[in-house]
């Protein structure tokens, strides 16, 4: 890490998703069509977490569409699939990690991070976590969220 005068932390502020109906009239203008919500959102925030990648896979064209729609300087955080985190509990996930990372990389410069949410049932095993992280081509692009207090050591 360099000197404090040249290295500044970079923060991206956003929410987990942007298509919440109860935001209409609270965040989105009452008369705005839902098809314009992302554009409006992206003018207010610099990033968004894509939670949907936890639940299902998307075609390459979806990632390319997300990339094209986002303005310059906007970034995506993509939640790692539950098959990796909540079904396989980070074991034997190398191929799954590679496939997911490939999809994320289609976002090009708009790919900020992957959120790896460690399931509460995952045994506290730093070696298991380390192997899973090293399966990512760039582990520095992975943020880890623990859902079990014992991991906080």
N, C-alpha and C. Protein backbone atom coordinates (compact mmCIF):
# COMPACT_ATOMS: atom_id res chain seq x y z
N UNK A 1 0.84 -1.17 0.00
CA UNK A 1 0.00 0.00 0.00
C UNK A 1 0.89 1.24 0.00
N UNK A 2 0.57 2.21 -0.81
CA UNK A 2 1.37 3.41 -0.94
C UNK A 2 1.05 4.44 0.12
N UNK A 3 1.57 5.63 -0.08
CA UNK A 3 1.35 6.69 0.90
C UNK A 3 -0.10 7.15 0.88
N UNK A 4 -0.53 7.69 2.00
CA UNK A 4 -1.92 8.11 2.14
C UNK A 4 -2.27 9.23 1.16
N UNK A 5 -1.29 10.03 0.74
CA UNK A 5 -1.60 11.14 -0.15
C UNK A 5 -1.86 10.69 -1.58
N UNK A 6 -1.37 9.50 -1.98
CA UNK A 6 -1.58 9.06 -3.35
C UNK A 6 -2.61 7.94 -3.46
N UNK A 7 -2.78 7.15 -2.42
CA UNK A 7 -3.74 6.05 -2.46
C UNK A 7 -5.01 6.46 -1.72
N UNK A 8 -6.09 6.51 -2.46
CA UNK A 8 -7.37 6.84 -1.85
C UNK A 8 -8.28 5.64 -1.99
N UNK A 9 -9.01 5.32 -0.94
CA UNK A 9 -9.96 4.21 -1.07
C UNK A 9 -11.03 4.56 -2.09
N UNK A 10 -11.50 3.55 -2.78
CA UNK A 10 -12.55 3.75 -3.77
C UNK A 10 -13.80 3.07 -3.26
N UNK A 11 -14.89 3.81 -3.22
CA UNK A 11 -16.15 3.28 -2.74
C UNK A 11 -17.18 3.34 -3.85
N UNK A 12 -17.98 2.31 -3.94
CA UNK A 12 -19.10 2.27 -4.87
C UNK A 12 -20.35 2.11 -4.03
N UNK A 13 -21.27 3.04 -4.17
CA UNK A 13 -22.49 2.99 -3.38
C UNK A 13 -23.64 2.60 -4.29
N UNK A 14 -24.39 1.61 -3.85
CA UNK A 14 -25.53 1.15 -4.62
C UNK A 14 -26.41 0.27 -3.74
N UNK A 15 -27.33 -0.40 -4.37
CA UNK A 15 -28.25 -1.27 -3.64
C UNK A 15 -28.20 -2.67 -4.25
N UNK A 16 -28.94 -3.57 -3.66
CA UNK A 16 -29.05 -4.92 -4.17
C UNK A 16 -30.28 -4.97 -5.08
N UNK A 17 -30.06 -4.69 -6.35
CA UNK A 17 -31.15 -4.66 -7.32
C UNK A 17 -31.71 -3.28 -7.53
N UNK A 18 -32.60 -3.17 -8.52
CA UNK A 18 -33.21 -1.89 -8.83
C UNK A 18 -34.67 -2.03 -9.23
N UNK A 19 -35.21 -3.22 -9.27
CA UNK A 19 -36.58 -3.40 -9.77
C UNK A 19 -37.54 -3.78 -8.65
N UNK A 20 -37.72 -2.89 -7.72
CA UNK A 20 -38.62 -3.13 -6.60
C UNK A 20 -39.86 -2.24 -6.78
N UNK A 21 -41.01 -2.87 -6.94
CA UNK A 21 -42.24 -2.12 -7.20
C UNK A 21 -42.54 -1.09 -6.12
N UNK A 22 -42.22 -1.40 -4.86
CA UNK A 22 -42.54 -0.46 -3.78
C UNK A 22 -41.65 0.80 -3.81
N UNK A 23 -40.64 0.83 -4.71
CA UNK A 23 -39.83 2.04 -4.85
C UNK A 23 -40.52 3.09 -5.72
N UNK A 24 -41.53 2.66 -6.49
CA UNK A 24 -42.24 3.62 -7.36
C UNK A 24 -42.95 4.64 -6.47
N UNK A 25 -42.69 5.91 -6.75
CA UNK A 25 -43.26 6.98 -5.95
C UNK A 25 -42.40 7.35 -4.76
N UNK A 26 -41.49 6.45 -4.35
CA UNK A 26 -40.56 6.74 -3.25
C UNK A 26 -39.18 7.09 -3.80
N UNK A 27 -38.73 6.30 -4.75
CA UNK A 27 -37.43 6.55 -5.38
C UNK A 27 -37.64 6.90 -6.85
N UNK A 28 -38.38 6.08 -7.54
CA UNK A 28 -38.67 6.35 -8.95
C UNK A 28 -39.87 7.28 -9.04
N UNK A 29 -39.83 8.22 -9.99
CA UNK A 29 -41.01 9.08 -10.18
C UNK A 29 -42.25 8.23 -10.47
N UNK A 30 -43.36 8.65 -9.94
CA UNK A 30 -44.63 7.91 -10.05
C UNK A 30 -44.99 7.58 -11.50
N UNK A 31 -44.68 8.48 -12.40
CA UNK A 31 -45.10 8.30 -13.81
C UNK A 31 -44.04 7.59 -14.67
N UNK A 32 -42.91 7.25 -14.09
CA UNK A 32 -41.83 6.63 -14.87
C UNK A 32 -42.15 5.17 -15.19
N UNK A 33 -42.00 4.79 -16.46
CA UNK A 33 -42.20 3.41 -16.87
C UNK A 33 -41.08 2.54 -16.29
N UNK A 34 -41.42 1.31 -15.93
CA UNK A 34 -40.44 0.39 -15.34
C UNK A 34 -39.25 0.17 -16.28
N UNK A 35 -39.46 0.27 -17.57
CA UNK A 35 -38.39 0.07 -18.55
C UNK A 35 -37.31 1.15 -18.45
N UNK A 36 -37.59 2.23 -17.76
CA UNK A 36 -36.62 3.33 -17.58
C UNK A 36 -35.98 3.33 -16.20
N UNK A 37 -36.37 2.41 -15.34
CA UNK A 37 -35.88 2.41 -13.97
C UNK A 37 -34.37 2.25 -13.89
N UNK A 38 -33.79 1.35 -14.66
CA UNK A 38 -32.34 1.16 -14.57
C UNK A 38 -31.60 2.44 -14.95
N UNK A 39 -32.02 3.07 -16.02
CA UNK A 39 -31.34 4.30 -16.45
C UNK A 39 -31.40 5.36 -15.35
N UNK A 40 -32.54 5.50 -14.72
CA UNK A 40 -32.71 6.44 -13.62
C UNK A 40 -31.81 6.04 -12.45
N UNK A 41 -31.85 4.76 -12.09
CA UNK A 41 -31.03 4.24 -11.00
C UNK A 41 -29.56 4.56 -11.24
N UNK A 42 -29.09 4.29 -12.45
CA UNK A 42 -27.67 4.45 -12.79
C UNK A 42 -27.23 5.92 -12.77
N UNK A 43 -28.15 6.83 -12.81
CA UNK A 43 -27.81 8.25 -12.67
C UNK A 43 -27.68 8.65 -11.20
N UNK A 44 -28.24 7.83 -10.30
CA UNK A 44 -28.21 8.13 -8.87
C UNK A 44 -27.10 7.40 -8.13
N UNK A 45 -26.76 6.20 -8.61
CA UNK A 45 -25.79 5.35 -7.93
C UNK A 45 -24.70 4.90 -8.89
N UNK A 46 -23.53 4.54 -8.33
CA UNK A 46 -22.39 4.13 -9.14
C UNK A 46 -22.30 2.62 -9.31
N UNK A 47 -23.15 1.86 -8.60
CA UNK A 47 -23.06 0.40 -8.70
C UNK A 47 -24.38 -0.24 -8.29
N UNK A 48 -24.48 -1.53 -8.61
CA UNK A 48 -25.63 -2.31 -8.19
C UNK A 48 -25.19 -3.75 -8.00
N UNK A 49 -25.78 -4.41 -7.02
CA UNK A 49 -25.55 -5.84 -6.82
C UNK A 49 -26.62 -6.60 -7.60
N UNK A 50 -26.17 -7.52 -8.43
CA UNK A 50 -27.09 -8.39 -9.16
C UNK A 50 -27.29 -9.64 -8.31
N UNK A 51 -28.39 -9.68 -7.62
CA UNK A 51 -28.74 -10.80 -6.75
C UNK A 51 -29.24 -11.99 -7.55
N UNK A 52 -29.80 -11.74 -8.72
CA UNK A 52 -30.42 -12.78 -9.54
C UNK A 52 -29.43 -13.86 -9.96
N UNK A 53 -28.13 -13.52 -10.04
CA UNK A 53 -27.13 -14.52 -10.43
C UNK A 53 -26.95 -15.59 -9.37
N UNK A 54 -27.42 -15.34 -8.16
CA UNK A 54 -27.41 -16.33 -7.10
C UNK A 54 -28.41 -17.45 -7.40
N UNK A 55 -29.53 -17.07 -8.01
CA UNK A 55 -30.65 -18.00 -8.22
C UNK A 55 -30.66 -18.71 -9.57
N UNK A 56 -30.10 -18.07 -10.59
CA UNK A 56 -30.15 -18.69 -11.92
C UNK A 56 -29.01 -18.21 -12.80
N UNK A 57 -28.81 -18.93 -13.88
CA UNK A 57 -27.78 -18.54 -14.85
C UNK A 57 -28.43 -17.68 -15.93
N UNK A 58 -27.60 -16.88 -16.56
CA UNK A 58 -28.06 -16.01 -17.63
C UNK A 58 -27.24 -16.26 -18.88
N UNK A 59 -27.84 -16.00 -20.00
CA UNK A 59 -27.13 -16.13 -21.28
C UNK A 59 -26.10 -15.01 -21.39
N UNK A 60 -25.08 -15.26 -22.21
CA UNK A 60 -24.04 -14.25 -22.44
C UNK A 60 -24.65 -12.93 -22.89
N UNK A 61 -25.70 -12.99 -23.68
CA UNK A 61 -26.32 -11.77 -24.20
C UNK A 61 -26.86 -10.89 -23.07
N UNK A 62 -27.29 -11.49 -21.97
CA UNK A 62 -27.79 -10.70 -20.84
C UNK A 62 -26.66 -9.88 -20.24
N UNK A 63 -25.50 -10.50 -20.03
CA UNK A 63 -24.35 -9.77 -19.49
C UNK A 63 -23.93 -8.65 -20.46
N UNK A 64 -23.94 -8.95 -21.74
CA UNK A 64 -23.58 -7.94 -22.73
C UNK A 64 -24.57 -6.79 -22.73
N UNK A 65 -25.85 -7.09 -22.55
CA UNK A 65 -26.88 -6.04 -22.47
C UNK A 65 -26.66 -5.18 -21.23
N UNK A 66 -26.38 -5.84 -20.09
CA UNK A 66 -26.10 -5.07 -18.87
C UNK A 66 -24.91 -4.14 -19.08
N UNK A 67 -23.87 -4.65 -19.72
CA UNK A 67 -22.68 -3.82 -19.98
C UNK A 67 -23.04 -2.62 -20.85
N UNK A 68 -23.76 -2.85 -21.92
CA UNK A 68 -24.10 -1.77 -22.85
C UNK A 68 -25.01 -0.73 -22.23
N UNK A 69 -25.89 -1.15 -21.35
CA UNK A 69 -26.86 -0.23 -20.74
C UNK A 69 -26.25 0.66 -19.68
N UNK A 70 -25.22 0.19 -19.03
CA UNK A 70 -24.64 0.95 -17.91
C UNK A 70 -23.80 2.11 -18.42
N UNK A 71 -23.91 3.25 -17.77
CA UNK A 71 -23.10 4.41 -18.18
C UNK A 71 -21.63 4.23 -17.79
N UNK A 72 -20.79 5.06 -18.36
CA UNK A 72 -19.37 5.08 -18.02
C UNK A 72 -19.21 5.29 -16.52
N UNK A 73 -18.33 4.50 -15.89
CA UNK A 73 -18.08 4.64 -14.46
C UNK A 73 -19.00 3.83 -13.57
N UNK A 74 -19.98 3.17 -14.15
CA UNK A 74 -20.91 2.35 -13.38
C UNK A 74 -20.35 0.94 -13.26
N UNK A 75 -20.58 0.28 -12.11
CA UNK A 75 -20.06 -1.06 -11.92
C UNK A 75 -21.08 -2.02 -11.35
N UNK A 76 -20.88 -3.29 -11.67
CA UNK A 76 -21.75 -4.36 -11.20
C UNK A 76 -21.02 -5.24 -10.18
N UNK A 77 -21.76 -5.63 -9.15
CA UNK A 77 -21.33 -6.65 -8.20
C UNK A 77 -22.29 -7.82 -8.42
N UNK A 78 -21.75 -8.99 -8.71
CA UNK A 78 -22.58 -10.15 -9.03
C UNK A 78 -22.49 -11.18 -7.93
N UNK A 79 -23.62 -11.62 -7.45
CA UNK A 79 -23.64 -12.60 -6.37
C UNK A 79 -23.34 -13.98 -6.94
N UNK A 80 -22.38 -14.66 -6.34
CA UNK A 80 -22.00 -16.00 -6.78
C UNK A 80 -23.20 -16.94 -6.67
N UNK A 81 -23.32 -17.87 -7.61
CA UNK A 81 -24.45 -18.79 -7.61
C UNK A 81 -24.55 -19.64 -6.35
N UNK A 82 -25.77 -19.90 -5.94
CA UNK A 82 -26.01 -20.71 -4.73
C UNK A 82 -25.51 -22.14 -4.89
N UNK A 83 -25.37 -22.61 -6.13
CA UNK A 83 -24.81 -23.94 -6.32
C UNK A 83 -23.40 -24.00 -5.74
N UNK A 84 -22.65 -22.92 -5.90
CA UNK A 84 -21.28 -22.84 -5.38
C UNK A 84 -21.29 -22.71 -3.85
N UNK A 85 -22.14 -21.82 -3.36
CA UNK A 85 -22.06 -21.43 -1.95
C UNK A 85 -23.00 -22.19 -1.01
N UNK A 86 -24.20 -22.50 -1.47
CA UNK A 86 -25.20 -23.07 -0.57
C UNK A 86 -25.57 -24.52 -0.89
N UNK A 87 -25.08 -25.03 -1.97
CA UNK A 87 -25.35 -26.43 -2.31
C UNK A 87 -24.07 -27.27 -2.21
N UNK A 88 -22.98 -26.74 -2.77
CA UNK A 88 -21.71 -27.47 -2.72
C UNK A 88 -20.83 -26.98 -1.56
N UNK A 89 -21.26 -25.93 -0.89
CA UNK A 89 -20.56 -25.40 0.29
C UNK A 89 -19.06 -25.19 0.02
N UNK A 90 -18.76 -24.66 -1.17
CA UNK A 90 -17.41 -24.28 -1.61
C UNK A 90 -16.50 -25.47 -1.91
N UNK A 91 -17.03 -26.67 -1.97
CA UNK A 91 -16.22 -27.86 -2.26
C UNK A 91 -16.33 -28.25 -3.73
N UNK A 92 -15.19 -28.54 -4.36
CA UNK A 92 -15.17 -29.02 -5.74
C UNK A 92 -15.93 -28.06 -6.66
N UNK A 93 -15.61 -26.78 -6.56
CA UNK A 93 -16.37 -25.77 -7.32
C UNK A 93 -15.55 -25.10 -8.42
N UNK A 94 -14.36 -25.61 -8.70
CA UNK A 94 -13.49 -24.97 -9.68
C UNK A 94 -14.13 -24.71 -11.03
N UNK A 95 -14.77 -25.72 -11.61
CA UNK A 95 -15.41 -25.54 -12.92
C UNK A 95 -16.56 -24.55 -12.86
N UNK A 96 -17.34 -24.62 -11.80
CA UNK A 96 -18.47 -23.69 -11.64
C UNK A 96 -17.97 -22.25 -11.49
N UNK A 97 -16.91 -22.08 -10.72
CA UNK A 97 -16.32 -20.76 -10.52
C UNK A 97 -15.81 -20.21 -11.85
N UNK A 98 -15.12 -21.03 -12.60
CA UNK A 98 -14.58 -20.59 -13.89
C UNK A 98 -15.70 -20.16 -14.83
N UNK A 99 -16.76 -20.93 -14.90
CA UNK A 99 -17.88 -20.60 -15.79
C UNK A 99 -18.55 -19.29 -15.36
N UNK A 100 -18.75 -19.13 -14.05
CA UNK A 100 -19.38 -17.90 -13.57
C UNK A 100 -18.47 -16.69 -13.81
N UNK A 101 -17.19 -16.85 -13.56
CA UNK A 101 -16.25 -15.75 -13.76
C UNK A 101 -16.22 -15.35 -15.24
N UNK A 102 -16.29 -16.33 -16.13
CA UNK A 102 -16.34 -16.02 -17.56
C UNK A 102 -17.55 -15.13 -17.87
N UNK A 103 -18.70 -15.49 -17.33
CA UNK A 103 -19.90 -14.68 -17.55
C UNK A 103 -19.71 -13.27 -17.02
N UNK A 104 -19.17 -13.15 -15.81
CA UNK A 104 -18.94 -11.83 -15.22
C UNK A 104 -18.00 -11.00 -16.08
N UNK A 105 -16.99 -11.64 -16.64
CA UNK A 105 -16.00 -10.91 -17.44
C UNK A 105 -16.60 -10.33 -18.71
N UNK A 106 -17.77 -10.80 -19.12
CA UNK A 106 -18.43 -10.22 -20.29
C UNK A 106 -18.87 -8.78 -20.03
N UNK A 107 -18.91 -8.40 -18.77
CA UNK A 107 -19.23 -7.02 -18.40
C UNK A 107 -18.05 -6.08 -18.64
N UNK A 108 -16.89 -6.66 -18.91
CA UNK A 108 -15.64 -5.91 -19.16
C UNK A 108 -15.35 -4.94 -18.02
N UNK A 109 -15.14 -3.67 -18.31
CA UNK A 109 -14.74 -2.70 -17.28
C UNK A 109 -15.85 -2.41 -16.28
N UNK A 110 -17.05 -2.87 -16.55
CA UNK A 110 -18.17 -2.63 -15.63
C UNK A 110 -18.33 -3.76 -14.61
N UNK A 111 -17.46 -4.75 -14.68
CA UNK A 111 -17.41 -5.85 -13.71
C UNK A 111 -16.54 -5.39 -12.55
N UNK A 112 -17.17 -5.16 -11.40
CA UNK A 112 -16.44 -4.69 -10.22
C UNK A 112 -16.05 -5.84 -9.30
N UNK A 113 -17.03 -6.60 -8.84
CA UNK A 113 -16.77 -7.63 -7.84
C UNK A 113 -17.75 -8.79 -7.96
N UNK A 114 -17.35 -9.88 -7.35
CA UNK A 114 -18.25 -11.00 -7.11
C UNK A 114 -18.47 -11.06 -5.61
N UNK A 115 -19.72 -11.21 -5.20
CA UNK A 115 -20.05 -11.38 -3.79
C UNK A 115 -20.20 -12.87 -3.53
N UNK A 116 -19.33 -13.40 -2.71
CA UNK A 116 -19.35 -14.81 -2.33
C UNK A 116 -19.96 -14.89 -0.93
N UNK A 117 -21.23 -15.25 -0.87
CA UNK A 117 -21.93 -15.32 0.41
C UNK A 117 -21.78 -16.74 0.96
N UNK A 118 -21.00 -16.88 2.00
CA UNK A 118 -20.74 -18.19 2.59
C UNK A 118 -21.98 -18.61 3.38
N UNK A 119 -22.55 -19.74 3.00
CA UNK A 119 -23.77 -20.23 3.65
C UNK A 119 -23.54 -20.50 5.13
N UNK A 120 -24.54 -20.27 5.96
CA UNK A 120 -24.39 -20.52 7.39
C UNK A 120 -24.04 -21.98 7.71
N UNK A 121 -24.43 -22.91 6.85
CA UNK A 121 -24.16 -24.33 7.09
C UNK A 121 -22.74 -24.73 6.69
N UNK A 122 -22.00 -23.83 6.06
CA UNK A 122 -20.64 -24.15 5.64
C UNK A 122 -19.76 -24.28 6.88
N UNK A 123 -19.08 -25.41 7.03
CA UNK A 123 -18.18 -25.56 8.18
C UNK A 123 -17.10 -24.47 8.18
N UNK A 124 -16.74 -24.01 9.35
CA UNK A 124 -15.68 -23.01 9.47
C UNK A 124 -14.37 -23.71 9.14
N UNK A 125 -13.89 -23.46 7.94
CA UNK A 125 -12.73 -24.16 7.41
C UNK A 125 -11.98 -23.21 6.48
N UNK A 126 -11.03 -22.45 7.01
CA UNK A 126 -10.30 -21.49 6.18
C UNK A 126 -9.64 -22.12 4.95
N UNK A 127 -9.20 -23.36 5.06
CA UNK A 127 -8.58 -24.02 3.91
C UNK A 127 -9.60 -24.22 2.78
N UNK A 128 -10.81 -24.61 3.13
CA UNK A 128 -11.88 -24.77 2.14
C UNK A 128 -12.16 -23.44 1.45
N UNK A 129 -12.28 -22.38 2.24
CA UNK A 129 -12.52 -21.06 1.68
C UNK A 129 -11.36 -20.64 0.79
N UNK A 130 -10.14 -20.86 1.26
CA UNK A 130 -8.97 -20.48 0.47
C UNK A 130 -8.93 -21.17 -0.88
N UNK A 131 -9.23 -22.46 -0.91
CA UNK A 131 -9.25 -23.20 -2.19
C UNK A 131 -10.31 -22.63 -3.12
N UNK A 132 -11.47 -22.34 -2.57
CA UNK A 132 -12.55 -21.77 -3.39
C UNK A 132 -12.13 -20.42 -3.95
N UNK A 133 -11.53 -19.57 -3.12
CA UNK A 133 -11.11 -18.25 -3.60
C UNK A 133 -10.04 -18.37 -4.68
N UNK A 134 -9.12 -19.30 -4.51
CA UNK A 134 -8.05 -19.47 -5.50
C UNK A 134 -8.56 -20.05 -6.81
N UNK A 135 -9.78 -20.56 -6.84
CA UNK A 135 -10.37 -21.03 -8.10
C UNK A 135 -10.77 -19.87 -9.00
N UNK A 136 -10.93 -18.68 -8.42
CA UNK A 136 -11.28 -17.50 -9.21
C UNK A 136 -10.03 -16.99 -9.93
N UNK A 137 -10.13 -16.65 -11.21
CA UNK A 137 -8.96 -16.13 -11.92
C UNK A 137 -8.34 -14.90 -11.24
N UNK A 138 -9.16 -14.07 -10.59
CA UNK A 138 -8.66 -12.92 -9.85
C UNK A 138 -9.37 -12.87 -8.49
N UNK A 139 -8.81 -13.55 -7.48
CA UNK A 139 -9.45 -13.55 -6.16
C UNK A 139 -9.61 -12.15 -5.57
N UNK A 140 -8.85 -11.19 -6.06
CA UNK A 140 -8.99 -9.81 -5.59
C UNK A 140 -10.29 -9.16 -5.99
N UNK A 141 -11.03 -9.80 -6.89
CA UNK A 141 -12.34 -9.28 -7.31
C UNK A 141 -13.48 -10.00 -6.60
N UNK A 142 -13.16 -10.65 -5.46
CA UNK A 142 -14.17 -11.39 -4.72
C UNK A 142 -14.30 -10.80 -3.31
N UNK A 143 -15.51 -10.40 -2.97
CA UNK A 143 -15.83 -9.97 -1.60
C UNK A 143 -16.54 -11.14 -0.94
N UNK A 144 -16.18 -11.42 0.31
CA UNK A 144 -16.75 -12.56 1.02
C UNK A 144 -17.69 -12.04 2.11
N UNK A 145 -18.89 -12.61 2.14
CA UNK A 145 -19.87 -12.29 3.17
C UNK A 145 -20.11 -13.56 3.99
N UNK A 146 -19.82 -13.47 5.27
CA UNK A 146 -20.03 -14.61 6.17
C UNK A 146 -21.40 -14.50 6.81
N UNK A 147 -22.09 -15.61 6.93
CA UNK A 147 -23.42 -15.65 7.54
C UNK A 147 -23.40 -16.44 8.84
N UNK A 148 -22.19 -16.61 9.38
CA UNK A 148 -22.05 -17.38 10.62
C UNK A 148 -20.96 -16.72 11.46
N UNK A 149 -21.29 -16.43 12.69
CA UNK A 149 -20.43 -15.67 13.59
C UNK A 149 -19.04 -16.32 13.75
N UNK A 150 -18.96 -17.64 13.75
CA UNK A 150 -17.69 -18.34 13.98
C UNK A 150 -16.64 -18.01 12.93
N UNK A 151 -17.07 -17.56 11.75
CA UNK A 151 -16.11 -17.18 10.70
C UNK A 151 -15.39 -15.87 11.05
N UNK A 152 -15.92 -15.10 11.94
CA UNK A 152 -15.37 -13.78 12.24
C UNK A 152 -14.23 -13.89 13.23
N UNK A 153 -13.16 -14.50 12.75
CA UNK A 153 -11.99 -14.70 13.62
C UNK A 153 -10.73 -14.23 12.89
